[in-house]
PDB file of N, CA and C in Angstrom:
ATOM      1  N   MET A   1       3.150 -23.645  17.704  1.00  0.00           N
ATOM      2  CA  MET A   1       4.648 -23.913  17.331  1.00  0.00           C
ATOM      3  C   MET A   1       5.705 -23.880  17.768  1.00  0.00           C
ATOM      4  N   LYS A   2       6.931 -24.675  17.781  1.00  0.00           N
ATOM      5  CA  LYS A   2       7.728 -24.376  18.940  1.00  0.00           C
ATOM      6  C   LYS A   2       8.812 -25.037  18.148  1.00  0.00           C
ATOM      7  N   THR A   3      10.042 -23.813  18.283  1.00  0.00           N
ATOM      8  CA  THR A   3      11.028 -24.361  17.384  1.00  0.00           C
ATOM      9  C   THR A   3      12.304 -24.292  17.786  1.00  0.00           C
ATOM     10  N   TYR A   4      13.202 -25.169  18.172  1.00  0.00           N
ATOM     11  CA  TYR A   4      14.350 -25.365  18.882  1.00  0.00           C
ATOM     12  C   TYR A   4      15.497 -25.835  18.060  1.00  0.00           C
ATOM     13  N   GLU A   5      16.664 -25.265  18.511  1.00  0.00           N
ATOM     14  CA  GLU A   5      17.976 -25.123  18.265  1.00  0.00           C
ATOM     15  C   GLU A   5      18.802 -26.465  19.156  1.00  0.00           C
ATOM     16  N   THR A   6      19.719 -26.657  17.908  1.00  0.00           N
ATOM     17  CA  THR A   6      20.881 -27.936  18.493  1.00  0.00           C
ATOM     18  C   THR A   6      22.396 -27.360  19.027  1.00  0.00           C
ATOM     19  N   GLU A   7      22.236 -25.624  18.956  1.00  0.00           N
ATOM     20  CA  GLU A   7      23.691 -25.360  19.149  1.00  0.00           C
ATOM     21  C   GLU A   7      23.489 -24.332  20.392  1.00  0.00           C
ATOM     22  N   THR A   8      24.658 -24.091  21.020  1.00  0.00           N
ATOM     23  CA  THR A   8      25.088 -23.552  22.062  1.00  0.00           C
ATOM     24  C   THR A   8      24.007 -23.765  23.286  1.00  0.00           C
ATOM     25  N   LEU A   9      23.198 -23.208  24.130  1.00  0.00           N
ATOM     26  CA  LEU A   9      22.782 -23.454  25.330  1.00  0.00           C
ATOM     27  C   LEU A   9      21.511 -24.143  24.773  1.00  0.00           C
ATOM     28  N   ASP A  10      20.797 -24.107  23.186  1.00  0.00           N
ATOM     29  CA  ASP A  10      19.989 -24.869  23.462  1.00  0.00           C
ATOM     30  C   ASP A  10      19.909 -26.148  23.185  1.00  0.00           C
ATOM     31  N   SER A  11      21.205 -26.016  23.118  1.00  0.00           N
ATOM     32  CA  SER A  11      21.787 -27.839  22.815  1.00  0.00           C
ATOM     33  C   SER A  11      21.283 -28.401  24.103  1.00  0.00           C
ATOM     34  N   LEU A  12      20.745 -28.251  25.431  1.00  0.00           N
ATOM     35  CA  LEU A  12      20.473 -28.942  26.585  1.00  0.00           C
ATOM     36  C   LEU A  12      18.440 -29.096  26.620  1.00  0.00           C
ATOM     37  N   TYR A  13      18.348 -28.487  25.346  1.00  0.00           N
ATOM     38  CA  TYR A  13      16.644 -28.096  25.671  1.00  0.00           C
ATOM     39  C   TYR A  13      15.834 -29.669  25.067  1.00  0.00           C
ATOM     40  N   GLU A  14      16.538 -30.481  23.869  1.00  0.00           N
ATOM     41  CA  GLU A  14      15.752 -31.251  23.503  1.00  0.00           C
ATOM     42  C   GLU A  14      15.177 -32.189  24.735  1.00  0.00           C
ATOM     43  N   PRO A  15      15.263 -32.474  25.997  1.00  0.00           N
ATOM     44  CA  PRO A  15      14.820 -33.556  26.498  1.00  0.00           C
ATOM     45  C   PRO A  15      13.273 -33.025  27.345  1.00  0.00           C
ATOM     46  N   PHE A  16      13.292 -31.668  27.629  1.00  0.00           N
ATOM     47  CA  PHE A  16      12.270 -31.077  28.260  1.00  0.00           C
ATOM     48  C   PHE A  16      11.032 -30.426  27.104  1.00  0.00           C
ATOM     49  N   GLN A  17      12.052 -30.420  25.308  1.00  0.00           N
ATOM     50  CA  GLN A  17      11.224 -30.430  24.612  1.00  0.00           C
ATOM     51  C   GLN A  17       9.977 -31.501  24.093  1.00  0.00           C
ATOM     52  N   LEU A  18      10.792 -32.736  24.115  1.00  0.00           N
ATOM     53  CA  LEU A  18      10.232 -33.929  24.084  1.00  0.00           C
ATOM     54  C   LEU A  18       9.105 -33.802  25.362  1.00  0.00           C
ATOM     55  N   LEU A  19       9.667 -33.843  26.278  1.00  0.00           N
ATOM     56  CA  LEU A  19       8.435 -33.999  27.882  1.00  0.00           C
ATOM     57  C   LEU A  19       7.468 -33.175  27.050  1.00  0.00           C
ATOM     58  N   ALA A  20       7.273 -32.098  27.087  1.00  0.00           N
ATOM     59  CA  ALA A  20       6.385 -30.992  26.591  1.00  0.00           C
ATOM     60  C   ALA A  20       5.551 -31.554  25.655  1.00  0.00           C
ATOM     61  N   ASP A  21       5.777 -31.956  24.401  1.00  0.00           N
ATOM     62  CA  ASP A  21       5.291 -32.592  23.198  1.00  0.00           C
ATOM     63  C   ASP A  21       4.597 -33.876  23.646  1.00  0.00           C
ATOM     64  N   SER A  22       5.115 -34.548  24.167  1.00  0.00           N
ATOM     65  CA  SER A  22       4.258 -35.963  24.895  1.00  0.00           C
ATOM     66  C   SER A  22       2.767 -35.625  25.478  1.00  0.00           C
ATOM     67  N   ILE A  23       3.036 -34.204  26.556  1.00  0.00           N
ATOM     68  CA  ILE A  23       1.798 -33.715  27.038  1.00  0.00           C
ATOM     69  C   ILE A  23       1.247 -33.336  26.170  1.00  0.00           C
ATOM     70  N   LEU A  24       1.622 -32.046  25.261  1.00  0.00           N
ATOM     71  CA  LEU A  24       0.157 -31.673  24.212  1.00  0.00           C
ATOM     72  C   LEU A  24      -0.277 -33.123  23.582  1.00  0.00           C
ATOM     73  N   ILE A  25       0.231 -33.718  23.226  1.00  0.00           N
ATOM     74  CA  ILE A  25       0.052 -35.032  22.285  1.00  0.00           C
ATOM     75  C   ILE A  25      -1.056 -35.630  22.813  1.00  0.00           C
ATOM     76  N   SER A  26      -0.810 -35.684  24.625  1.00  0.00           N
ATOM     77  CA  SER A  26      -1.387 -36.484  25.112  1.00  0.00           C
ATOM     78  C   SER A  26      -3.139 -35.907  25.832  1.00  0.00           C
ATOM     79  N   GLY A  27      -2.737 -34.571  25.590  1.00  0.00           N
ATOM     80  CA  GLY A  27      -4.108 -33.255  25.579  1.00  0.00           C
ATOM     81  C   GLY A  27      -4.976 -33.703  24.513  1.00  0.00           C
ATOM     82  N   GLY A  28      -4.226 -34.033  23.441  1.00  0.00           N
ATOM     83  CA  GLY A  28      -5.252 -34.087  22.061  1.00  0.00           C
ATOM     84  C   GLY A  28      -4.879 -33.647  20.940  1.00  0.00           C
ATOM     85  N   TYR A  29      -3.654 -32.909  20.974  1.00  0.00           N
ATOM     86  CA  TYR A  29      -3.296 -31.389  20.360  1.00  0.00           C
ATOM     87  C   TYR A  29      -2.411 -32.640  18.791  1.00  0.00           C
ATOM     88  N   GLU A  30      -2.816 -31.731  18.160  1.00  0.00           N
ATOM     89  CA  GLU A  30      -2.441 -32.509  16.550  1.00  0.00           C
ATOM     90  C   GLU A  30      -1.571 -31.905  15.856  1.00  0.00           C
ATOM     91  N   GLU A  31      -1.278 -32.217  14.561  1.00  0.00           N
ATOM     92  CA  GLU A  31      -0.144 -31.231  13.772  1.00  0.00           C
ATOM     93  C   GLU A  31      -0.496 -30.239  13.024  1.00  0.00           C
ATOM     94  N   SER A  32      -2.488 -29.761  13.571  1.00  0.00           N
ATOM     95  CA  SER A  32      -3.468 -29.013  12.635  1.00  0.00           C
ATOM     96  C   SER A  32      -3.330 -28.079  13.691  1.00  0.00           C
ATOM     97  N   ASN A  33      -2.606 -28.378  14.927  1.00  0.00           N
ATOM     98  CA  ASN A  33      -2.635 -27.156  15.565  1.00  0.00           C
ATOM     99  C   ASN A  33      -1.724 -27.302  16.690  1.00  0.00           C
ATOM    100  N   PHE A  34      -0.594 -27.912  16.845  1.00  0.00           N
ATOM    101  CA  PHE A  34       0.453 -27.705  17.004  1.00  0.00           C
ATOM    102  C   PHE A  34       1.991 -28.687  16.519  1.00  0.00           C
ATOM    103  N   MET A  35       2.736 -28.152  16.350  1.00  0.00           N
ATOM    104  CA  MET A  35       3.827 -28.718  15.656  1.00  0.00           C
ATOM    105  C   MET A  35       4.996 -27.817  16.911  1.00  0.00           C
ATOM    106  N   SER A  36       6.383 -29.072  16.579  1.00  0.00           N
ATOM    107  CA  SER A  36       7.259 -28.523  17.064  1.00  0.00           C
ATOM    108  C   SER A  36       8.641 -28.900  16.300  1.00  0.00           C
ATOM    109  N   ILE A  37       9.310 -28.043  15.513  1.00  0.00           N
ATOM    110  CA  ILE A  37      10.299 -28.547  14.569  1.00  0.00           C
ATOM    111  C   ILE A  37      12.422 -28.506  15.422  1.00  0.00           C
ATOM    112  N   LYS A  38      12.697 -29.077  15.145  1.00  0.00           N
ATOM    113  CA  LYS A  38      14.606 -28.815  15.842  1.00  0.00           C
ATOM    114  C   LYS A  38      15.027 -28.351  14.337  1.00  0.00           C
ATOM    115  N   PHE A  39      16.033 -27.803  14.775  1.00  0.00           N
ATOM    116  CA  PHE A  39      16.533 -26.794  13.772  1.00  0.00           C
ATOM    117  C   PHE A  39      18.387 -28.029  14.270  1.00  0.00           C
ATOM    118  N   GLU A  40      18.783 -28.613  13.490  1.00  0.00           N
ATOM    119  CA  GLU A  40      20.301 -29.213  13.487  1.00  0.00           C
ATOM    120  C   GLU A  40      21.275 -28.048  13.015  1.00  0.00           C
ATOM    121  N   GLY A  41      22.066 -27.695  14.270  1.00  0.00           N
ATOM    122  CA  GLY A  41      23.440 -27.062  13.765  1.00  0.00           C
ATOM    123  C   GLY A  41      22.903 -25.605  13.851  1.00  0.00           C
ATOM    124  N   LYS A  42      21.776 -25.640  13.886  1.00  0.00           N
ATOM    125  CA  LYS A  42      21.538 -23.823  14.150  1.00  0.00           C
ATOM    126  C   LYS A  42      21.537 -23.205  15.520  1.00  0.00           C
ATOM    127  N   ASP A  43      21.853 -22.273  15.759  1.00  0.00           N
ATOM    128  CA  ASP A  43      21.769 -21.713  17.188  1.00  0.00           C
ATOM    129  C   ASP A  43      20.362 -20.464  17.334  1.00  0.00           C
ATOM    130  N   HIS A  44      20.737 -20.101  18.654  1.00  0.00           N
ATOM    131  CA  HIS A  44      19.647 -19.740  18.987  1.00  0.00           C
ATOM    132  C   HIS A  44      19.913 -18.059  18.821  1.00  0.00           C
ATOM    133  N   SER A  45      19.954 -17.315  17.721  1.00  0.00           N
ATOM    134  CA  SER A  45      20.237 -16.293  17.458  1.00  0.00           C
ATOM    135  C   SER A  45      19.652 -15.433  16.258  1.00  0.00           C
ATOM    136  N   GLU A  46      19.933 -13.919  16.100  1.00  0.00           N
ATOM    137  CA  GLU A  46      18.563 -13.110  15.145  1.00  0.00           C
ATOM    138  C   GLU A  46      18.771 -13.809  13.937  1.00  0.00           C
ATOM    139  N   LYS A  47      20.222 -14.371  13.820  1.00  0.00           N
ATOM    140  CA  LYS A  47      20.315 -14.635  12.370  1.00  0.00           C
ATOM    141  C   LYS A  47      19.738 -15.953  11.897  1.00  0.00           C
ATOM    142  N   SER A  48      20.124 -16.861  12.957  1.00  0.00           N
ATOM    143  CA  SER A  48      19.065 -18.295  12.406  1.00  0.00           C
ATOM    144  C   SER A  48      17.577 -18.063  12.412  1.00  0.00           C
ATOM    145  N   TRP A  49      17.223 -16.467  13.337  1.00  0.00           N
ATOM    146  CA  TRP A  49      15.722 -17.121  13.454  1.00  0.00           C
ATOM    147  C   TRP A  49      15.357 -16.210  12.385  1.00  0.00           C
ATOM    148  N   ALA A  50      16.390 -15.673  11.583  1.00  0.00           N
ATOM    149  CA  ALA A  50      15.699 -14.471  10.497  1.00  0.00           C
ATOM    150  C   ALA A  50      15.624 -15.383   9.429  1.00  0.00           C
ATOM    151  N   GLU A  51      16.337 -16.612   9.289  1.00  0.00           N
ATOM    152  CA  GLU A  51      16.693 -17.396   8.145  1.00  0.00           C
ATOM    153  C   GLU A  51      15.429 -18.216   7.853  1.00  0.00           C
ATOM    154  N   ARG A  52      13.999 -18.661   9.177  1.00  0.00           N
ATOM    155  CA  ARG A  52      13.264 -19.105   9.141  1.00  0.00           C
ATOM    156  C   ARG A  52      11.993 -18.801   9.921  1.00  0.00           C
ATOM    157  N   LEU A  53      11.586 -17.439   9.950  1.00  0.00           N
ATOM    158  CA  LEU A  53      10.348 -16.671  10.437  1.00  0.00           C
ATOM    159  C   LEU A  53       9.691 -17.120   9.914  1.00  0.00           C
ATOM    160  N   HIS A  54       9.750 -17.086   8.399  1.00  0.00           N
ATOM    161  CA  HIS A  54       8.536 -17.164   7.355  1.00  0.00           C
ATOM    162  C   HIS A  54       7.744 -18.487   7.767  1.00  0.00           C
ATOM    163  N   ILE A  55       8.648 -19.878   8.846  1.00  0.00           N
ATOM    164  CA  ILE A  55       7.801 -20.789   9.111  1.00  0.00           C
ATOM    165  C   ILE A  55       6.547 -20.983   9.806  1.00  0.00           C
ATOM    166  N   PRO A  56       6.875 -19.875  11.333  1.00  0.00           N
ATOM    167  CA  PRO A  56       6.035 -19.879  12.136  1.00  0.00           C
ATOM    168  C   PRO A  56       4.726 -19.370  11.480  1.00  0.00           C
ATOM    169  N   LEU A  57       5.392 -17.861  10.725  1.00  0.00           N
ATOM    170  CA  LEU A  57       4.220 -17.211  10.803  1.00  0.00           C
ATOM    171  C   LEU A  57       3.396 -17.684   9.296  1.00  0.00           C
ATOM    172  N   VAL A  58       3.603 -18.746   8.532  1.00  0.00           N
ATOM    173  CA  VAL A  58       2.929 -19.407   7.524  1.00  0.00           C
ATOM    174  C   VAL A  58       2.033 -20.360   8.814  1.00  0.00           C
ATOM    175  N   PHE A  59       2.865 -21.118   9.360  1.00  0.00           N
ATOM    176  CA  PHE A  59       1.487 -22.085  10.391  1.00  0.00           C
ATOM    177  C   PHE A  59       0.755 -21.282  11.345  1.00  0.00           C
ATOM    178  N   LEU A  60       0.771 -20.227  11.463  1.00  0.00           N
ATOM    179  CA  LEU A  60      -0.268 -19.187  12.415  1.00  0.00           C
ATOM    180  C   LEU A  60      -1.373 -18.804  11.747  1.00  0.00           C
ATOM    181  N   THR A  61      -0.775 -18.255  10.342  1.00  0.00           N
ATOM    182  CA  THR A  61      -1.617 -17.516   9.711  1.00  0.00           C
ATOM    183  C   THR A  61      -2.211 -18.249   8.532  1.00  0.00           C
ATOM    184  N   GLY A  62      -1.346 -19.401   7.917  1.00  0.00           N
ATOM    185  CA  GLY A  62      -2.137 -19.939   6.935  1.00  0.00           C
ATOM    186  C   GLY A  62      -1.841 -19.928   5.625  1.00  0.00           C
ATOM    187  N   LYS A  63      -0.998 -18.568   5.794  1.00  0.00           N
ATOM    188  CA  LYS A  63      -0.647 -17.092   4.344  1.00  0.00           C
ATOM    189  C   LYS A  63       0.769 -17.819   3.716  1.00  0.00           C
ATOM    190  N   GLU A  64       0.933 -18.363   2.612  1.00  0.00           N
ATOM    191  CA  GLU A  64       2.729 -18.148   2.434  1.00  0.00           C
ATOM    192  C   GLU A  64       2.971 -16.566   2.241  1.00  0.00           C
ATOM    193  N   LYS A  65       1.978 -16.000   2.123  1.00  0.00           N
ATOM    194  CA  LYS A  65       2.429 -14.023   1.607  1.00  0.00           C
ATOM    195  C   LYS A  65       1.706 -13.347   1.815  1.00  0.00           C
TER     196      LYS A  65
END
């Protein structure tokens, strides 16, 4: 799973993430084993990550709690 933000330095990241996504999809990855999530208006900081850390943890473990 890859998450990316749209503020500060991460605002420049999207074209590269889209390229990486297309490479993975063409290699056979799908939503069951790959996910890329964009967080509009968020920056790459501890505070922003703390708000959504549960998302990759649930994706990786398959467990809500």
